[in-house]
PDB file of N, CA and C in Angstrom:
ATOM      1  N   MET A   1     116.953 101.167 215.241  1.00  0.00           N
ATOM      2  CA  MET A   1     115.053 101.263 214.074  1.00  0.00           C
ATOM      3  C   MET A   1     114.717 100.013 214.051  1.00  0.00           C
ATOM      4  N   VAL A   2     113.344  99.326 214.357  1.00  0.00           N
ATOM      5  CA  VAL A   2     112.408  98.881 213.608  1.00  0.00           C
ATOM      6  C   VAL A   2     111.957  98.303 212.596  1.00  0.00           C
ATOM      7  N   ILE A   3     111.917  97.560 211.407  1.00  0.00           N
ATOM      8  CA  ILE A   3     111.256  97.785 210.494  1.00  0.00           C
ATOM      9  C   ILE A   3     110.139  97.013 210.275  1.00  0.00           C
ATOM     10  N   LYS A   4     109.289  97.088 210.376  1.00  0.00           N
ATOM     11  CA  LYS A   4     107.770  96.109 210.187  1.00  0.00           C
ATOM     12  C   LYS A   4     107.283  96.484 208.606  1.00  0.00           C
ATOM     13  N   VAL A   5     107.172  94.623 208.197  1.00  0.00           N
ATOM     14  CA  VAL A   5     106.351  95.101 206.890  1.00  0.00           C
ATOM     15  C   VAL A   5     105.061  93.696 207.297  1.00  0.00           C
ATOM     16  N   ALA A   6     103.978  94.086 206.581  1.00  0.00           N
ATOM     17  CA  ALA A   6     102.664  93.332 206.805  1.00  0.00           C
ATOM     18  C   ALA A   6     103.363  91.914 205.682  1.00  0.00           C
ATOM     19  N   VAL A   7     102.610  90.746 206.382  1.00  0.00           N
ATOM     20  CA  VAL A   7     102.239  89.933 205.677  1.00  0.00           C
ATOM     21  C   VAL A   7     101.196  89.227 205.378  1.00  0.00           C
ATOM     22  N   GLU A   8     100.706  88.509 203.738  1.00  0.00           N
ATOM     23  CA  GLU A   8      99.608  87.355 204.066  1.00  0.00           C
ATOM     24  C   GLU A   8     100.000  86.479 203.387  1.00  0.00           C
ATOM     25  N   MET A   9      98.762  85.516 203.701  1.00  0.00           N
ATOM     26  CA  MET A   9      98.444  84.202 203.438  1.00  0.00           C
ATOM     27  C   MET A   9      97.461  83.790 202.607  1.00  0.00           C
ATOM     28  N   ALA A  10      96.700  84.104 200.899  1.00  0.00           N
ATOM     29  CA  ALA A  10      95.470  83.920 201.151  1.00  0.00           C
ATOM     30  C   ALA A  10      94.515  83.336 201.738  1.00  0.00           C
ATOM     31  N   GLY A  11      93.208  83.891 202.993  1.00  0.00           N
ATOM     32  CA  GLY A  11      92.761  82.613 203.355  1.00  0.00           C
ATOM     33  C   GLY A  11      93.600  82.398 204.591  1.00  0.00           C
ATOM     34  N   GLN A  12      94.447  82.719 204.947  1.00  0.00           N
ATOM     35  CA  GLN A  12      94.807  82.466 206.250  1.00  0.00           C
ATOM     36  C   GLN A  12      95.486  83.527 206.922  1.00  0.00           C
ATOM     37  N   GLY A  13      94.630  84.957 206.695  1.00  0.00           N
ATOM     38  CA  GLY A  13      94.877  85.624 207.770  1.00  0.00           C
ATOM     39  C   GLY A  13      96.216  86.420 207.532  1.00  0.00           C
ATOM     40  N   LYS A  14      96.496  87.446 208.057  1.00  0.00           N
ATOM     41  CA  LYS A  14      97.706  88.351 207.885  1.00  0.00           C
ATOM     42  C   LYS A  14      98.256  88.804 209.326  1.00  0.00           C
ATOM     43  N   GLY A  15      99.442  88.515 209.064  1.00  0.00           N
ATOM     44  CA  GLY A  15     100.806  89.538 209.999  1.00  0.00           C
ATOM     45  C   GLY A  15     101.620  90.341 210.040  1.00  0.00           C
ATOM     46  N   VAL A  16     102.742  89.988 210.775  1.00  0.00           N
ATOM     47  CA  VAL A  16     104.328  91.600 211.130  1.00  0.00           C
ATOM     48  C   VAL A  16     105.420  90.946 210.812  1.00  0.00           C
ATOM     49  N   VAL A  17     105.984  90.877 209.924  1.00  0.00           N
ATOM     50  CA  VAL A  17     107.432  90.363 210.145  1.00  0.00           C
ATOM     51  C   VAL A  17     108.045  92.191 210.281  1.00  0.00           C
ATOM     52  N   SER A  18     109.109  91.689 211.547  1.00  0.00           N
ATOM     53  CA  SER A  18     109.360  93.177 212.600  1.00  0.00           C
ATOM     54  C   SER A  18     111.027  92.583 212.215  1.00  0.00           C
ATOM     55  N   TYR A  19     111.788  93.787 211.722  1.00  0.00           N
ATOM     56  CA  TYR A  19     113.171  93.535 211.863  1.00  0.00           C
ATOM     57  C   TYR A  19     113.867  94.308 213.045  1.00  0.00           C
ATOM     58  N   ASN A  20     114.740  94.604 213.785  1.00  0.00           N
ATOM     59  CA  ASN A  20     115.107  95.571 214.926  1.00  0.00           C
ATOM     60  C   ASN A  20     116.246  95.110 214.350  1.00  0.00           C
ATOM     61  N   THR A  21     117.204  96.499 213.139  1.00  0.00           N
ATOM     62  CA  THR A  21     118.707  96.913 212.979  1.00  0.00           C
ATOM     63  C   THR A  21     119.158  97.070 214.177  1.00  0.00           C
ATOM     64  N   LYS A  22     118.780  97.189 215.215  1.00  0.00           N
ATOM     65  CA  LYS A  22     120.443  97.521 216.148  1.00  0.00           C
ATOM     66  C   LYS A  22     120.617  95.983 216.835  1.00  0.00           C
ATOM     67  N   SER A  23     119.548  95.141 217.144  1.00  0.00           N
ATOM     68  CA  SER A  23     119.763  94.172 218.269  1.00  0.00           C
ATOM     69  C   SER A  23     119.654  92.845 217.375  1.00  0.00           C
ATOM     70  N   LYS A  24     119.895  93.019 215.241  1.00  0.00           N
ATOM     71  CA  LYS A  24     119.589  92.130 214.541  1.00  0.00           C
ATOM     72  C   LYS A  24     118.536  90.854 214.437  1.00  0.00           C
ATOM     73  N   VAL A  25     117.782  91.352 215.530  1.00  0.00           N
ATOM     74  CA  VAL A  25     116.615  90.059 215.581  1.00  0.00           C
ATOM     75  C   VAL A  25     115.072  90.511 214.728  1.00  0.00           C
ATOM     76  N   ILE A  26     114.902  89.216 213.956  1.00  0.00           N
ATOM     77  CA  ILE A  26     113.707  88.661 213.744  1.00  0.00           C
ATOM     78  C   ILE A  26     112.490  88.395 214.246  1.00  0.00           C
ATOM     79  N   GLU A  27     111.381  89.173 214.051  1.00  0.00           N
ATOM     80  CA  GLU A  27     110.017  89.151 214.973  1.00  0.00           C
ATOM     81  C   GLU A  27     109.064  88.172 213.740  1.00  0.00           C
ATOM     82  N   VAL A  28     108.526  87.339 214.320  1.00  0.00           N
ATOM     83  CA  VAL A  28     106.961  87.655 213.036  1.00  0.00           C
ATOM     84  C   VAL A  28     106.139  86.953 213.971  1.00  0.00           C
ATOM     85  N   ASP A  29     104.851  88.098 214.131  1.00  0.00           N
ATOM     86  CA  ASP A  29     103.365  87.877 214.348  1.00  0.00           C
ATOM     87  C   ASP A  29     102.717  87.452 213.338  1.00  0.00           C
ATOM     88  N   TYR A  30     102.456  85.929 213.257  1.00  0.00           N
ATOM     89  CA  TYR A  30     100.716  85.688 212.245  1.00  0.00           C
ATOM     90  C   TYR A  30      99.940  84.724 213.336  1.00  0.00           C
ATOM     91  N   PRO A  31      99.017  84.673 212.900  1.00  0.00           N
ATOM     92  CA  PRO A  31      98.033  83.794 213.558  1.00  0.00           C
ATOM     93  C   PRO A  31      98.102  82.278 213.404  1.00  0.00           C
ATOM     94  N   SER A  32      98.185  81.839 212.271  1.00  0.00           N
ATOM     95  CA  SER A  32      98.596  80.695 211.925  1.00  0.00           C
ATOM     96  C   SER A  32     100.128  80.210 212.660  1.00  0.00           C
ATOM     97  N   GLU A  33     100.408  79.249 213.225  1.00  0.00           N
ATOM     98  CA  GLU A  33     101.883  78.911 213.684  1.00  0.00           C
ATOM     99  C   GLU A  33     102.063  78.216 212.456  1.00  0.00           C
ATOM    100  N   SER A  34     101.644  77.334 211.983  1.00  0.00           N
ATOM    101  CA  SER A  34     102.415  76.555 211.134  1.00  0.00           C
ATOM    102  C   SER A  34     103.332  77.952 209.992  1.00  0.00           C
ATOM    103  N   ILE A  35     102.157  78.482 209.474  1.00  0.00           N
ATOM    104  CA  ILE A  35     102.804  80.188 208.656  1.00  0.00           C
ATOM    105  C   ILE A  35     103.906  79.640 209.157  1.00  0.00           C
ATOM    106  N   ARG A  36     103.523  80.888 210.597  1.00  0.00           N
ATOM    107  CA  ARG A  36     104.433  81.780 211.509  1.00  0.00           C
ATOM    108  C   ARG A  36     105.948  81.177 210.834  1.00  0.00           C
ATOM    109  N   GLN A  37     105.994  79.538 211.492  1.00  0.00           N
ATOM    110  CA  GLN A  37     107.190  79.015 211.552  1.00  0.00           C
ATOM    111  C   GLN A  37     107.819  79.110 210.213  1.00  0.00           C
ATOM    112  N   SER A  38     107.132  78.340 209.349  1.00  0.00           N
ATOM    113  CA  SER A  38     107.581  78.521 207.753  1.00  0.00           C
ATOM    114  C   SER A  38     108.480  79.707 207.587  1.00  0.00           C
ATOM    115  N   ILE A  39     107.696  81.139 207.800  1.00  0.00           N
ATOM    116  CA  ILE A  39     108.291  82.451 207.593  1.00  0.00           C
ATOM    117  C   ILE A  39     109.824  81.919 207.990  1.00  0.00           C
ATOM    118  N   LEU A  40     109.814  82.130 209.400  1.00  0.00           N
ATOM    119  CA  LEU A  40     110.654  82.218 210.270  1.00  0.00           C
ATOM    120  C   LEU A  40     111.276  81.326 210.223  1.00  0.00           C
ATOM    121  N   SER A  41     111.236  80.232 209.717  1.00  0.00           N
ATOM    122  CA  SER A  41     112.567  78.976 209.070  1.00  0.00           C
ATOM    123  C   SER A  41     112.955  79.740 207.792  1.00  0.00           C
ATOM    124  N   TYR A  42     112.281  80.423 207.347  1.00  0.00           N
ATOM    125  CA  TYR A  42     113.229  81.138 205.799  1.00  0.00           C
ATOM    126  C   TYR A  42     114.154  81.613 205.504  1.00  0.00           C
ATOM    127  N   LEU A  43     113.621  82.853 206.924  1.00  0.00           N
ATOM    128  CA  LEU A  43     114.265  84.143 207.604  1.00  0.00           C
ATOM    129  C   LEU A  43     115.917  83.831 208.107  1.00  0.00           C
ATOM    130  N   MET A  44     116.067  82.538 208.593  1.00  0.00           N
ATOM    131  CA  MET A  44     116.768  82.153 209.461  1.00  0.00           C
ATOM    132  C   MET A  44     117.186  81.227 209.059  1.00  0.00           C
ATOM    133  N   THR A  45     117.786  80.884 207.513  1.00  0.00           N
ATOM    134  CA  THR A  45     118.347  79.886 206.656  1.00  0.00           C
ATOM    135  C   THR A  45     119.476  80.983 206.044  1.00  0.00           C
ATOM    136  N   LYS A  46     120.605  80.428 206.106  1.00  0.00           N
ATOM    137  CA  LYS A  46     121.649  81.135 205.325  1.00  0.00           C
ATOM    138  C   LYS A  46     121.488  81.461 204.230  1.00  0.00           C
ATOM    139  N   ARG A  47     121.915  82.079 203.730  1.00  0.00           N
ATOM    140  CA  ARG A  47     120.926  82.121 201.351  1.00  0.00           C
ATOM    141  C   ARG A  47     121.768  82.896 200.908  1.00  0.00           C
ATOM    142  N   GLU A  48     121.924  82.634 199.648  1.00  0.00           N
ATOM    143  CA  GLU A  48     122.912  82.752 199.024  1.00  0.00           C
ATOM    144  C   GLU A  48     122.046  84.356 198.156  1.00  0.00           C
ATOM    145  N   PHE A  49     122.889  85.706 198.220  1.00  0.00           N
ATOM    146  CA  PHE A  49     122.696  86.631 197.896  1.00  0.00           C
ATOM    147  C   PHE A  49     123.260  87.803 196.570  1.00  0.00           C
ATOM    148  N   GLN A  50     122.903  87.499 195.274  1.00  0.00           N
ATOM    149  CA  GLN A  50     123.222  88.458 194.147  1.00  0.00           C
ATOM    150  C   GLN A  50     123.374  89.848 194.330  1.00  0.00           C
ATOM    151  N   ILE A  51     124.695  90.077 194.353  1.00  0.00           N
ATOM    152  CA  ILE A  51     124.719  92.111 195.104  1.00  0.00           C
ATOM    153  C   ILE A  51     125.515  92.039 193.521  1.00  0.00           C
ATOM    154  N   PRO A  52     124.531  93.154 192.594  1.00  0.00           N
ATOM    155  CA  PRO A  52     125.143  93.557 191.786  1.00  0.00           C
ATOM    156  C   PRO A  52     126.662  94.644 192.174  1.00  0.00           C
ATOM    157  N   GLU A  53     127.308  94.282 191.396  1.00  0.00           N
ATOM    158  CA  GLU A  53     128.489  94.889 191.118  1.00  0.00           C
ATOM    159  C   GLU A  53     128.869  96.629 190.481  1.00  0.00           C
ATOM    160  N   SER A  54     127.782  96.926 189.608  1.00  0.00           N
ATOM    161  CA  SER A  54     128.037  98.000 188.127  1.00  0.00           C
ATOM    162  C   SER A  54     126.663  97.489 187.247  1.00  0.00           C
ATOM    163  N   GLN A  55     126.573  97.913 186.806  1.00  0.00           N
ATOM    164  CA  GLN A  55     125.319  97.932 185.979  1.00  0.00           C
ATOM    165  C   GLN A  55     125.170  97.249 184.853  1.00  0.00           C
ATOM    166  N   GLN A  56     126.294  96.382 184.421  1.00  0.00           N
ATOM    167  CA  GLN A  56     125.974  95.324 183.387  1.00  0.00           C
ATOM    168  C   GLN A  56     125.240  94.114 184.838  1.00  0.00           C
ATOM    169  N   LEU A  57     124.588  92.879 183.588  1.00  0.00           N
ATOM    170  CA  LEU A  57     123.300  92.305 184.194  1.00  0.00           C
ATOM    171  C   LEU A  57     124.070  90.820 184.539  1.00  0.00           C
ATOM    172  N   ASP A  58     125.323  90.823 184.088  1.00  0.00           N
ATOM    173  CA  ASP A  58     126.808  89.777 184.760  1.00  0.00           C
ATOM    174  C   ASP A  58     127.633  89.705 185.840  1.00  0.00           C
ATOM    175  N   ASP A  59     127.544  91.377 186.073  1.00  0.00           N
ATOM    176  CA  ASP A  59     128.752  91.778 186.771  1.00  0.00           C
ATOM    177  C   ASP A  59     127.369  92.062 188.209  1.00  0.00           C
ATOM    178  N   TYR A  60     127.888  90.445 189.224  1.00  0.00           N
ATOM    179  CA  TYR A  60     127.893  90.632 190.289  1.00  0.00           C
ATOM    180  C   TYR A  60     128.808  89.953 191.608  1.00  0.00           C
ATOM    181  N   ARG A  61     128.545  89.775 192.675  1.00  0.00           N
ATOM    182  CA  ARG A  61     129.001  89.107 193.370  1.00  0.00           C
ATOM    183  C   ARG A  61     128.061  88.006 194.133  1.00  0.00           C
ATOM    184  N   ILE A  62     128.911  87.299 194.874  1.00  0.00           N
ATOM    185  CA  ILE A  62     127.581  86.259 195.579  1.00  0.00           C
ATOM    186  C   ILE A  62     128.198  86.340 197.033  1.00  0.00           C
ATOM    187  N   ASP A  63     127.201  86.712 198.012  1.00  0.00           N
ATOM    188  CA  ASP A  63     127.242  86.634 199.703  1.00  0.00           C
ATOM    189  C   ASP A  63     126.869  85.403 199.797  1.00  0.00           C
ATOM    190  N   LYS A  64     126.962  84.941 200.987  1.00  0.00           N
ATOM    191  CA  LYS A  64     126.008  83.972 201.833  1.00  0.00           C
ATOM    192  C   LYS A  64     126.117  84.392 203.106  1.00  0.00           C
ATOM    193  N   ALA A  65     124.772  85.257 203.426  1.00  0.00           N
ATOM    194  CA  ALA A  65     124.341  85.838 204.487  1.00  0.00           C
ATOM    195  C   ALA A  65     123.183  85.155 205.236  1.00  0.00           C
ATOM    196  N   TYR A  66     123.147  85.401 206.307  1.00  0.00           N
ATOM    197  CA  TYR A  66     121.923  85.306 206.885  1.00  0.00           C
ATOM    198  C   TYR A  66     120.611  86.708 207.031  1.00  0.00           C
ATOM    199  N   PRO A  67     119.369  86.708 206.162  1.00  0.00           N
ATOM    200  CA  PRO A  67     119.056  87.385 206.132  1.00  0.00           C
ATOM    201  C   PRO A  67     118.868  88.657 207.576  1.00  0.00           C
ATOM    202  N   SER A  68     119.139  88.387 208.275  1.00  0.00           N
ATOM    203  CA  SER A  68     118.679  88.750 209.393  1.00  0.00           C
ATOM    204  C   SER A  68     120.712  89.618 210.088  1.00  0.00           C
ATOM    205  N   ASP A  69     121.563  89.573 209.256  1.00  0.00           N
ATOM    206  CA  ASP A  69     122.962  89.672 209.002  1.00  0.00           C
ATOM    207  C   ASP A  69     122.827  91.634 209.193  1.00  0.00           C
ATOM    208  N   ASN A  70     121.843  92.420 208.384  1.00  0.00           N
ATOM    209  CA  ASN A  70     122.104  93.328 207.922  1.00  0.00           C
ATOM    210  C   ASN A  70     120.502  93.869 207.359  1.00  0.00           C
ATOM    211  N   ILE A  71     120.225  94.893 206.952  1.00  0.00           N
ATOM    212  CA  ILE A  71     118.776  95.599 206.536  1.00  0.00           C
ATOM    213  C   ILE A  71     119.219  94.948 204.986  1.00  0.00           C
ATOM    214  N   THR A  72     119.893  95.158 204.621  1.00  0.00           N
ATOM    215  CA  THR A  72     119.986  94.974 202.828  1.00  0.00           C
ATOM    216  C   THR A  72     119.665  93.585 202.642  1.00  0.00           C
ATOM    217  N   TYR A  73     120.240  92.658 203.415  1.00  0.00           N
ATOM    218  CA  TYR A  73     120.303  91.081 203.623  1.00  0.00           C
ATOM    219  C   TYR A  73     118.246  90.655 203.794  1.00  0.00           C
ATOM    220  N   PHE A  74     117.920  91.553 204.959  1.00  0.00           N
ATOM    221  CA  PHE A  74     116.795  91.137 205.127  1.00  0.00           C
ATOM    222  C   PHE A  74     115.853  91.647 204.411  1.00  0.00           C
ATOM    223  N   GLN A  75     115.765  92.395 203.521  1.00  0.00           N
ATOM    224  CA  GLN A  75     115.221  93.180 202.302  1.00  0.00           C
ATOM    225  C   GLN A  75     114.580  92.694 201.441  1.00  0.00           C
ATOM    226  N   LEU A  76     115.794  91.733 200.855  1.00  0.00           N
ATOM    227  CA  LEU A  76     116.459  91.086 199.893  1.00  0.00           C
ATOM    228  C   LEU A  76     115.877  89.774 200.590  1.00  0.00           C
ATOM    229  N   ALA A  77     115.939  89.286 201.596  1.00  0.00           N
ATOM    230  CA  ALA A  77     114.905  87.911 201.803  1.00  0.00           C
ATOM    231  C   ALA A  77     113.514  87.885 201.677  1.00  0.00           C
ATOM    232  N   MET A  78     113.117  89.024 202.409  1.00  0.00           N
ATOM    233  CA  MET A  78     111.465  89.481 201.665  1.00  0.00           C
ATOM    234  C   MET A  78     111.057  89.754 200.580  1.00  0.00           C
ATOM    235  N   CYS A  79     111.782  89.861 200.039  1.00  0.00           N
ATOM    236  CA  CYS A  79     111.736  89.892 198.011  1.00  0.00           C
ATOM    237  C   CYS A  79     111.479  88.704 197.818  1.00  0.00           C
ATOM    238  N   THR A  80     112.185  88.100 198.030  1.00  0.00           N
ATOM    239  CA  THR A  80     111.633  86.073 197.702  1.00  0.00           C
ATOM    240  C   THR A  80     110.952  84.981 198.430  1.00  0.00           C
ATOM    241  N   LEU A  81     109.854  85.932 199.787  1.00  0.00           N
ATOM    242  CA  LEU A  81     109.449  85.111 201.060  1.00  0.00           C
ATOM    243  C   LEU A  81     108.276  84.465 200.190  1.00  0.00           C
ATOM    244  N   TRP A  82     107.801  85.776 199.511  1.00  0.00           N
ATOM    245  CA  TRP A  82     106.092  84.860 197.864  1.00  0.00           C
ATOM    246  C   TRP A  82     106.562  83.311 197.426  1.00  0.00           C
ATOM    247  N   ALA A  83     107.620  83.602 196.557  1.00  0.00           N
ATOM    248  CA  ALA A  83     108.281  82.534 195.697  1.00  0.00           C
ATOM    249  C   ALA A  83     109.094  81.651 196.761  1.00  0.00           C
ATOM    250  N   ASN A  84     108.871  81.542 197.512  1.00  0.00           N
ATOM    251  CA  ASN A  84     109.744  80.727 198.332  1.00  0.00           C
ATOM    252  C   ASN A  84     108.753  79.963 199.442  1.00  0.00           C
ATOM    253  N   THR A  85     107.555  80.642 199.829  1.00  0.00           N
ATOM    254  CA  THR A  85     106.386  80.221 201.402  1.00  0.00           C
ATOM    255  C   THR A  85     105.448  80.099 200.578  1.00  0.00           C
ATOM    256  N   GLY A  86     105.161  80.786 199.814  1.00  0.00           N
ATOM    257  CA  GLY A  86     103.456  81.032 199.015  1.00  0.00           C
ATOM    258  C   GLY A  86     103.459  82.346 200.061  1.00  0.00           C
ATOM    259  N   VAL A  87     103.616  82.941 200.572  1.00  0.00           N
ATOM    260  CA  VAL A  87     103.235  84.403 201.686  1.00  0.00           C
ATOM    261  C   VAL A  87     104.016  85.627 201.073  1.00  0.00           C
ATOM    262  N   LEU A  88     102.603  86.532 200.751  1.00  0.00           N
ATOM    263  CA  LEU A  88     102.788  87.198 199.997  1.00  0.00           C
ATOM    264  C   LEU A  88     103.181  88.778 201.375  1.00  0.00           C
ATOM    265  N   VAL A  89     104.416  89.667 200.492  1.00  0.00           N
ATOM    266  CA  VAL A  89     104.929  91.034 201.263  1.00  0.00           C
ATOM    267  C   VAL A  89     104.043  92.041 200.645  1.00  0.00           C
ATOM    268  N   ASP A  90     103.786  92.518 201.749  1.00  0.00           N
ATOM    269  CA  ASP A  90     102.888  94.189 201.432  1.00  0.00           C
ATOM    270  C   ASP A  90     103.754  95.234 201.914  1.00  0.00           C
ATOM    271  N   TRP A  91     104.696  95.342 201.051  1.00  0.00           N
ATOM    272  CA  TRP A  91     105.539  96.930 201.062  1.00  0.00           C
ATOM    273  C   TRP A  91     105.328  97.861 200.946  1.00  0.00           C
ATOM    274  N   SER A  92     103.740  98.534 200.292  1.00  0.00           N
ATOM    275  CA  SER A  92     102.953  99.278 201.425  1.00  0.00           C
ATOM    276  C   SER A  92     103.031  99.767 202.303  1.00  0.00           C
ATOM    277  N   THR A  93     103.220  98.809 203.279  1.00  0.00           N
ATOM    278  CA  THR A  93     102.518  99.243 204.586  1.00  0.00           C
ATOM    279  C   THR A  93     103.636  99.028 205.000  1.00  0.00           C
ATOM    280  N   GLU A  94     105.574  99.184 204.831  1.00  0.00           N
ATOM    281  CA  GLU A  94     106.800  99.446 205.194  1.00  0.00           C
ATOM    282  C   GLU A  94     106.766 100.322 205.981  1.00  0.00           C
ATOM    283  N   LYS A  95     107.081 100.244 207.875  1.00  0.00           N
ATOM    284  CA  LYS A  95     107.198 101.449 208.645  1.00  0.00           C
ATOM    285  C   LYS A  95     108.349 100.638 209.130  1.00  0.00           C
ATOM    286  N   GLN A  96     109.057 102.182 209.572  1.00  0.00           N
ATOM    287  CA  GLN A  96     110.226 102.213 210.295  1.00  0.00           C
ATOM    288  C   GLN A  96     109.786 103.445 211.755  1.00  0.00           C
ATOM    289  N   MET A  97     110.324 102.547 212.548  1.00  0.00           N
ATOM    290  CA  MET A  97     109.968 102.766 214.003  1.00  0.00           C
ATOM    291  C   MET A  97     111.617 102.643 215.242  1.00  0.00           C
ATOM    292  N   GLU A  98     111.667 103.862 215.234  1.00  0.00           N
ATOM    293  CA  GLU A  98     112.604 104.519 216.357  1.00  0.00           C
ATOM    294  C   GLU A  98     112.565 103.639 217.520  1.00  0.00           C
ATOM    295  N   GLU A  99     113.275 102.820 218.299  1.00  0.00           N
ATOM    296  CA  GLU A  99     113.409 102.459 219.343  1.00  0.00           C
ATOM    297  C   GLU A  99     114.093 102.636 220.530  1.00  0.00           C
TER     298      GLU A  99
END
């Protein structure tokens, strides 16, 4: 399955980030090469993810992983894309396509 999510930066155009759940490959299609590289660099860097263990606020584990490792890490990294790169993620356009 391939997940496709629209992204945009104000005044810099719109693009798409794709994640193939089988091959674990992330692709970025964006008109600006510098923004495309910024997105790709962010999504190819190993990160720390706080994963809840219960309903308690302070009960979580920290996983160190690449966003491409699985769909959960990809979606968590996309949730913080704007805060780290200034690129807005438009979840309303998320599409899942069989490959």
